[in-house]
Amino acid sequence: MQGDRGRSVGLTLALVSALAFGGSGVAAKPLITAGLDPLHVVWLRVAGAALVLLPVAWRHRELLLRRPALLAGFGLFAVAGVQACYFAAISRIPVGVALLIEYLGPALVLVWIRFVQRRHVTRAAAVGVVLAVGGLACVVEVWTGLSFDPIGVLLGLGAAVCQAGYFILGDHGSDSGEQAPDPLGVIAFGMLIGAMILTVIARPWQMDWSVLAGTAEMDGTTVPGWLLLGWVVLIATVLAYGTGLLSVRRLSPQVAGVVAYLEAVVATVLAWIMLGEHLSAPQIIGGAVVLTGAFIAQSATPVKAPPTPVAGGVPQGDTALSPSRADA
């Protein structure tokens, strides 16, 4: 019963994370339309979250000595890398194509688990990824603007690799004998490191700061720029990353990764409701397929890895957290 309760909490956190992440575009697009460069919006998002989480980073400052490689990897891949690669990709290829390539990340997680960690991948998670990728292709209507710009495709793949790193690094240390690092501490330092990296890339000193003091249009409604920024920072970044990492700890990278496909569905529905971007029939069908894939993936039963090692010293078994560890 405790294991079931822990799994339910994990799924709830994953859904909250998908909702929060999915709302980022709805708040960011009016700021971009009002005159901000996309990379400047990304920098504001990460730097703002780093500022909010600064007290958390100070509280967990011992992580700098205990887990410097984990913090650097999370900041580089899960924060700065995925954002920078995605926005660079959409400057060369259609947004829908870039989004679909980025969301190959959960599939790459399965490849990592199966061939690098040499662990069992549940059939439900694999089937869920296949369905979710297919449904996502319908949600973003990838056929409306195919482009084969090789650099753009490589940048999209870079975003996918960084997204996979988010799930893999988020689970780092949870299945070892040592105490897993506090997820909020990891996120806080990840944001600080990501903000420093993005400062070099985005060059915020060239930003039009007056946009934040003015207003932006959201489907005919005037919204203060600072309110949209607060949404992007607090909801779409701090809450999204926090609940997302906690869900990875309670579920597994492979299950949480597939549930994250709901983000694209949420983003499309919110754009329909709040920005007036209407859904087509294929998008509605695709959203249903994504939901089906996420449901199948989360139905995978967590299995504790047996203590007996295989060749190379890597234990076999599912990467999902055992019931006892999920409620730790």
Protein backbone atom coordinates (compact mmCIF):
# COMPACT_ATOMS: atom_id res chain seq x y z
CA MET A 1 0.00 0.00 0.00
CA GLN A 2 2.86 2.40 0.81
CA GLY A 3 4.42 1.62 -2.56
CA ASP A 4 1.14 2.34 -4.34
CA ARG A 5 0.74 5.59 -2.44
CA GLY A 6 4.28 6.65 -3.31
CA ARG A 7 3.67 5.84 -6.96
CA SER A 8 0.44 7.84 -6.98
CA VAL A 9 2.28 10.80 -5.51
CA GLY A 10 4.96 10.42 -8.16
CA LEU A 11 2.41 10.40 -10.98
CA THR A 12 0.68 13.45 -9.51
CA LEU A 13 3.99 15.30 -9.36
CA ALA A 14 4.76 14.31 -12.97
CA LEU A 15 1.38 15.64 -14.11
CA VAL A 16 1.86 18.92 -12.21
CA SER A 17 5.30 19.25 -13.82
CA ALA A 18 3.85 18.66 -17.30
CA LEU A 19 1.15 21.27 -16.65
CA ALA A 20 3.71 23.79 -15.40
CA PHE A 21 6.18 23.19 -18.22
CA GLY A 22 3.38 23.22 -20.78
CA GLY A 23 2.33 26.70 -19.70
CA SER A 24 5.72 28.24 -20.39
CA GLY A 25 5.06 28.94 -24.07
CA VAL A 26 1.72 30.64 -23.38
CA ALA A 27 3.44 33.17 -21.13
CA ALA A 28 6.67 33.46 -23.12
CA LYS A 29 5.14 33.99 -26.57
CA PRO A 30 3.50 37.37 -25.73
CA LEU A 31 6.86 38.59 -24.39
CA ILE A 32 8.58 37.51 -27.60
CA THR A 33 5.85 39.13 -29.70
CA ALA A 34 6.29 42.31 -27.66
CA GLY A 35 9.94 42.53 -28.69
CA LEU A 36 12.09 40.24 -26.54
CA ASP A 37 14.50 37.86 -28.25
CA PRO A 38 13.70 34.18 -27.50
CA LEU A 39 17.13 33.61 -25.97
CA HIS A 40 16.61 36.63 -23.72
CA VAL A 41 13.34 35.09 -22.49
CA VAL A 42 15.23 31.88 -21.74
CA TRP A 43 17.88 33.81 -19.82
CA LEU A 44 15.23 35.68 -17.82
CA ARG A 45 13.53 32.38 -17.05
CA VAL A 46 16.66 30.66 -15.75
CA ALA A 47 18.25 33.68 -14.08
CA GLY A 48 14.96 34.55 -12.35
CA ALA A 49 14.60 31.00 -11.07
CA ALA A 50 18.21 31.06 -9.87
CA LEU A 51 17.52 34.25 -7.92
CA VAL A 52 14.36 32.78 -6.34
CA LEU A 53 16.21 29.57 -5.40
CA LEU A 54 19.32 31.33 -4.09
CA PRO A 55 18.35 30.72 -0.40
CA VAL A 56 17.84 27.03 -1.24
CA ALA A 57 21.29 26.87 -2.83
CA TRP A 58 22.84 28.45 0.28
CA ARG A 59 21.05 25.97 2.52
CA HIS A 60 22.46 23.07 0.48
CA ARG A 61 25.87 24.58 -0.18
CA GLU A 62 27.57 21.36 0.93
CA LEU A 63 26.48 19.86 -2.40
CA LEU A 64 29.22 21.92 -4.08
CA LEU A 65 31.75 19.69 -2.34
CA ARG A 66 29.74 16.45 -2.29
CA ARG A 67 28.35 16.41 -5.84
CA PRO A 68 30.14 19.01 -8.01
CA ALA A 69 29.97 16.86 -11.16
CA LEU A 70 26.22 16.26 -10.75
CA LEU A 71 25.51 19.97 -10.26
CA ALA A 72 27.66 20.95 -13.24
CA GLY A 73 26.01 18.31 -15.43
CA PHE A 74 22.50 19.32 -14.39
CA GLY A 75 23.19 23.00 -15.02
CA LEU A 76 24.86 22.33 -18.37
CA PHE A 77 22.47 19.73 -19.81
CA ALA A 78 19.13 19.87 -17.95
CA VAL A 79 18.96 23.67 -17.73
CA ALA A 80 21.17 25.53 -20.21
CA GLY A 81 21.67 22.86 -22.87
CA VAL A 82 18.08 21.88 -23.50
CA GLN A 83 16.93 25.51 -23.62
CA ALA A 84 19.73 26.83 -25.83
CA CYS A 85 19.67 23.90 -28.28
CA TYR A 86 15.89 24.04 -28.68
CA PHE A 87 15.73 27.79 -29.33
CA ALA A 88 18.69 27.57 -31.71
CA ALA A 89 16.95 24.71 -33.52
CA ILE A 90 13.69 26.62 -34.06
CA SER A 91 15.68 29.41 -35.68
CA ARG A 92 16.55 26.97 -38.51
CA ILE A 93 13.72 24.39 -38.66
CA PRO A 94 9.95 24.54 -37.94
CA VAL A 95 8.90 24.62 -34.29
CA GLY A 96 6.87 21.43 -34.62
CA VAL A 97 9.79 19.50 -36.09
CA ALA A 98 12.16 20.78 -33.39
CA LEU A 99 9.70 19.86 -30.65
CA LEU A 100 9.30 16.35 -32.00
CA ILE A 101 13.07 15.84 -32.22
CA GLU A 102 13.56 17.18 -28.69
CA TYR A 103 11.00 14.74 -27.35
CA LEU A 104 13.10 11.84 -28.55
CA GLY A 105 14.73 12.40 -25.13
CA PRO A 106 12.66 9.74 -23.28
CA ALA A 107 13.51 7.25 -26.03
CA LEU A 108 17.19 8.03 -25.50
CA VAL A 109 16.65 7.39 -21.78
CA LEU A 110 15.53 3.86 -22.63
CA VAL A 111 18.62 3.39 -24.82
CA TRP A 112 20.84 4.56 -21.95
CA ILE A 113 19.14 2.28 -19.45
CA ARG A 114 19.23 -0.78 -21.70
CA PHE A 115 22.68 -0.52 -23.30
CA VAL A 116 24.77 1.63 -20.93
CA GLN A 117 23.36 0.71 -17.51
CA ARG A 118 22.46 -2.75 -18.87
CA ARG A 119 19.15 -2.86 -17.04
CA HIS A 120 15.77 -4.20 -17.97
CA VAL A 121 13.37 -1.84 -19.77
CA THR A 122 9.72 -2.59 -19.21
CA ARG A 123 7.61 -3.38 -22.25
CA ALA A 124 4.97 -0.91 -21.09
CA ALA A 125 7.49 1.96 -21.04
CA ALA A 126 8.80 1.07 -24.51
CA VAL A 127 5.29 0.83 -25.99
CA GLY A 128 4.35 4.08 -24.26
CA VAL A 129 7.31 5.89 -25.86
CA VAL A 130 6.37 4.66 -29.34
CA LEU A 131 2.75 5.77 -28.94
CA ALA A 132 3.71 9.08 -27.36
CA VAL A 133 6.19 9.95 -30.15
CA GLY A 134 3.57 9.14 -32.77
CA GLY A 135 0.90 11.15 -30.95
CA LEU A 136 3.28 14.05 -30.49
CA ALA A 137 3.91 14.12 -34.25
CA CYS A 138 0.17 14.71 -34.68
CA VAL A 139 0.01 17.32 -31.90
CA VAL A 140 2.74 19.46 -33.49
CA GLU A 141 1.52 18.63 -37.04
CA VAL A 142 5.06 17.82 -38.10
CA TRP A 143 4.01 17.26 -41.74
CA THR A 144 3.06 20.93 -42.20
CA GLY A 145 6.62 22.18 -42.34
CA LEU A 146 9.26 19.50 -42.75
CA SER A 147 12.77 20.87 -43.14
CA PHE A 148 15.97 18.94 -43.55
CA ASP A 149 18.42 21.60 -42.48
CA PRO A 150 21.22 19.36 -41.10
CA ILE A 151 22.43 21.90 -38.53
CA GLY A 152 18.89 22.48 -37.28
CA VAL A 153 18.30 18.75 -36.97
CA LEU A 154 21.59 18.32 -35.08
CA LEU A 155 20.60 21.13 -32.70
CA GLY A 156 17.24 19.40 -32.14
CA LEU A 157 19.05 16.15 -31.36
CA GLY A 158 21.24 18.11 -28.96
CA ALA A 159 18.09 19.25 -27.15
CA ALA A 160 16.91 15.63 -27.03
CA VAL A 161 20.21 14.49 -25.50
CA CYS A 162 20.02 17.28 -22.92
CA GLN A 163 16.42 16.37 -22.11
CA ALA A 164 17.47 12.76 -21.58
CA GLY A 165 20.19 14.08 -19.27
CA TYR A 166 17.51 15.82 -17.20
CA PHE A 167 15.81 12.50 -16.42
CA ILE A 168 19.02 10.50 -15.97
CA LEU A 169 20.72 13.08 -13.75
CA GLY A 170 17.46 13.59 -11.84
CA ASP A 171 17.59 9.94 -10.78
CA HIS A 172 21.33 10.03 -10.02
CA GLY A 173 22.16 8.56 -6.64
CA SER A 174 18.64 7.35 -5.83
CA ASP A 175 19.57 3.69 -6.39
CA SER A 176 22.97 3.75 -4.74
CA GLY A 177 23.91 3.03 -1.16
CA GLU A 178 24.70 6.65 -0.39
CA GLN A 179 22.14 9.27 0.44
CA ALA A 180 20.65 10.85 -2.69
CA PRO A 181 21.19 14.62 -2.95
CA ASP A 182 18.23 16.83 -2.14
CA PRO A 183 16.42 17.51 -5.45
CA LEU A 184 15.71 21.14 -4.61
CA GLY A 185 19.39 21.70 -3.91
CA VAL A 186 20.30 20.14 -7.25
CA ILE A 187 17.78 22.34 -9.05
CA ALA A 188 18.95 25.51 -7.26
CA PHE A 189 22.58 25.01 -8.21
CA GLY A 190 21.56 23.81 -11.66
CA MET A 191 19.76 27.11 -12.23
CA LEU A 192 22.75 29.12 -10.98
CA ILE A 193 25.15 27.26 -13.27
CA GLY A 194 22.70 27.37 -16.17
CA ALA A 195 22.24 31.11 -15.73
CA MET A 196 25.99 31.67 -15.90
CA ILE A 197 26.26 29.60 -19.09
CA LEU A 198 23.27 31.31 -20.72
CA THR A 199 24.63 34.75 -19.83
CA VAL A 200 27.50 34.12 -22.23
CA ILE A 201 25.14 32.83 -24.95
CA ALA A 202 22.20 35.24 -24.60
CA ARG A 203 24.15 38.45 -23.78
CA PRO A 204 21.34 39.98 -21.71
CA TRP A 205 22.99 43.41 -21.69
CA GLN A 206 21.62 43.78 -25.23
CA MET A 207 18.03 43.09 -24.09
CA ASP A 208 15.17 45.56 -24.43
CA TRP A 209 14.31 45.77 -20.73
CA SER A 210 11.46 48.19 -21.36
CA VAL A 211 9.27 45.28 -22.53
CA LEU A 212 9.06 44.02 -18.95
CA ALA A 213 7.86 47.41 -17.73
CA GLY A 214 5.21 47.60 -20.43
CA THR A 215 2.37 45.33 -21.50
CA ALA A 216 1.92 42.44 -23.92
CA GLU A 217 -1.09 41.10 -25.80
CA MET A 218 -2.53 37.66 -24.97
CA ASP A 219 -5.29 36.95 -27.52
CA GLY A 220 -6.54 40.51 -27.31
CA THR A 221 -6.07 40.85 -23.54
CA THR A 222 -3.47 43.27 -22.23
CA VAL A 223 -1.18 41.66 -19.64
CA PRO A 224 1.68 43.35 -17.72
CA GLY A 225 5.10 42.15 -18.85
CA TRP A 226 6.26 41.57 -15.28
CA LEU A 227 3.26 39.31 -14.61
CA LEU A 228 4.11 37.13 -17.61
CA LEU A 229 7.73 36.95 -16.46
CA GLY A 230 6.60 35.93 -12.98
CA TRP A 231 4.55 33.13 -14.52
CA VAL A 232 7.51 31.91 -16.58
CA VAL A 233 9.89 32.00 -13.60
CA LEU A 234 7.75 30.77 -10.71
CA ILE A 235 5.33 28.37 -12.40
CA ALA A 236 7.01 27.24 -15.62
CA THR A 237 10.50 26.93 -14.13
CA VAL A 238 10.69 26.69 -10.32
CA LEU A 239 7.50 24.65 -9.86
CA ALA A 240 8.01 22.68 -13.09
CA TYR A 241 11.59 21.61 -12.38
CA GLY A 242 10.89 20.93 -8.70
CA THR A 243 7.90 18.67 -9.21
CA GLY A 244 9.54 17.07 -12.24
CA LEU A 245 12.68 16.03 -10.38
CA LEU A 246 10.67 14.76 -7.42
CA SER A 247 8.56 12.65 -9.80
CA VAL A 248 11.70 11.09 -11.30
CA ARG A 249 12.83 10.12 -7.80
CA ARG A 250 9.48 8.47 -6.99
CA LEU A 251 8.92 6.82 -10.36
CA SER A 252 11.87 6.19 -12.69
CA PRO A 253 13.49 8.06 -15.56
CA GLN A 254 11.75 5.88 -18.15
CA VAL A 255 8.23 6.27 -16.72
CA ALA A 256 8.53 9.96 -15.79
CA GLY A 257 10.02 10.64 -19.22
CA VAL A 258 7.01 9.29 -21.07
CA VAL A 259 4.52 11.06 -18.81
CA ALA A 260 6.41 14.26 -19.69
CA TYR A 261 5.04 13.96 -23.23
CA LEU A 262 1.86 15.43 -21.78
CA GLU A 263 3.68 18.76 -21.75
CA ALA A 264 3.21 19.11 -25.51
CA VAL A 265 -0.51 18.36 -25.18
CA VAL A 266 -0.86 20.87 -22.35
CA ALA A 267 1.05 23.51 -24.34
CA THR A 268 -1.22 23.01 -27.36
CA VAL A 269 -4.46 23.13 -25.34
CA LEU A 270 -3.37 26.23 -23.40
CA ALA A 271 -2.38 27.94 -26.64
CA TRP A 272 -5.87 27.17 -27.93
CA ILE A 273 -7.59 28.55 -24.83
CA MET A 274 -5.38 31.55 -24.02
CA LEU A 275 -3.79 32.54 -27.32
CA GLY A 276 -6.57 31.62 -29.73
CA GLU A 277 -4.46 29.04 -31.59
CA HIS A 278 -7.16 26.54 -32.55
CA LEU A 279 -6.70 22.77 -32.50
CA SER A 280 -7.14 20.72 -35.64
CA ALA A 281 -8.62 17.22 -35.73
CA PRO A 282 -5.17 15.55 -36.06
CA GLN A 283 -3.95 17.50 -33.02
CA ILE A 284 -6.91 16.32 -30.93
CA ILE A 285 -6.34 12.72 -32.04
CA GLY A 286 -2.61 13.06 -31.38
CA GLY A 287 -3.27 14.34 -27.88
CA ALA A 288 -5.42 11.29 -27.17
CA VAL A 289 -2.62 9.03 -28.41
CA VAL A 290 -0.07 10.81 -26.19
CA LEU A 291 -2.37 10.33 -23.19
CA THR A 292 -2.71 6.65 -24.06
CA GLY A 293 1.05 6.23 -24.32
CA ALA A 294 1.62 7.98 -21.00
CA PHE A 295 -1.02 5.80 -19.32
CA ILE A 296 0.56 2.59 -20.66
CA ALA A 297 4.03 3.70 -19.57
CA GLN A 298 2.98 4.59 -16.04
CA SER A 299 1.33 1.17 -15.68
CA ALA A 300 4.76 -0.44 -15.57
CA THR A 301 5.19 -2.10 -12.17
CA PRO A 302 8.26 -0.90 -10.26
CA VAL A 303 10.66 -3.78 -9.66
CA LYS A 304 13.55 -3.66 -7.25
CA ALA A 305 16.82 -4.63 -8.86
CA PRO A 306 18.22 -7.92 -7.49
CA PRO A 307 21.48 -7.68 -5.58
CA THR A 308 23.30 -10.11 -7.91
CA PRO A 309 25.51 -8.29 -10.45
CA VAL A 310 25.92 -9.14 -14.10
CA ALA A 311 29.11 -9.05 -16.11
CA GLY A 312 30.73 -5.65 -15.66
CA GLY A 313 29.32 -5.25 -12.14
CA VAL A 314 26.08 -3.52 -13.11
CA PRO A 315 23.01 -4.96 -11.36
CA GLN A 316 20.09 -6.15 -13.44
CA GLY A 317 16.47 -5.07 -12.98
CA ASP A 318 14.09 -2.27 -13.69
CA THR A 319 15.27 1.26 -13.04
CA ALA A 320 12.00 2.14 -11.36
CA LEU A 321 12.30 2.81 -7.66
CA SER A 322 11.36 0.03 -5.34
CA PRO A 323 8.31 0.61 -3.13
CA SER A 324 10.48 1.00 -0.07
CA ARG A 325 12.78 3.54 -1.70
CA ALA A 326 9.91 5.41 -3.34
CA ASP A 327 8.52 6.30 0.07
CA ALA A 328 11.85 7.10 1.64
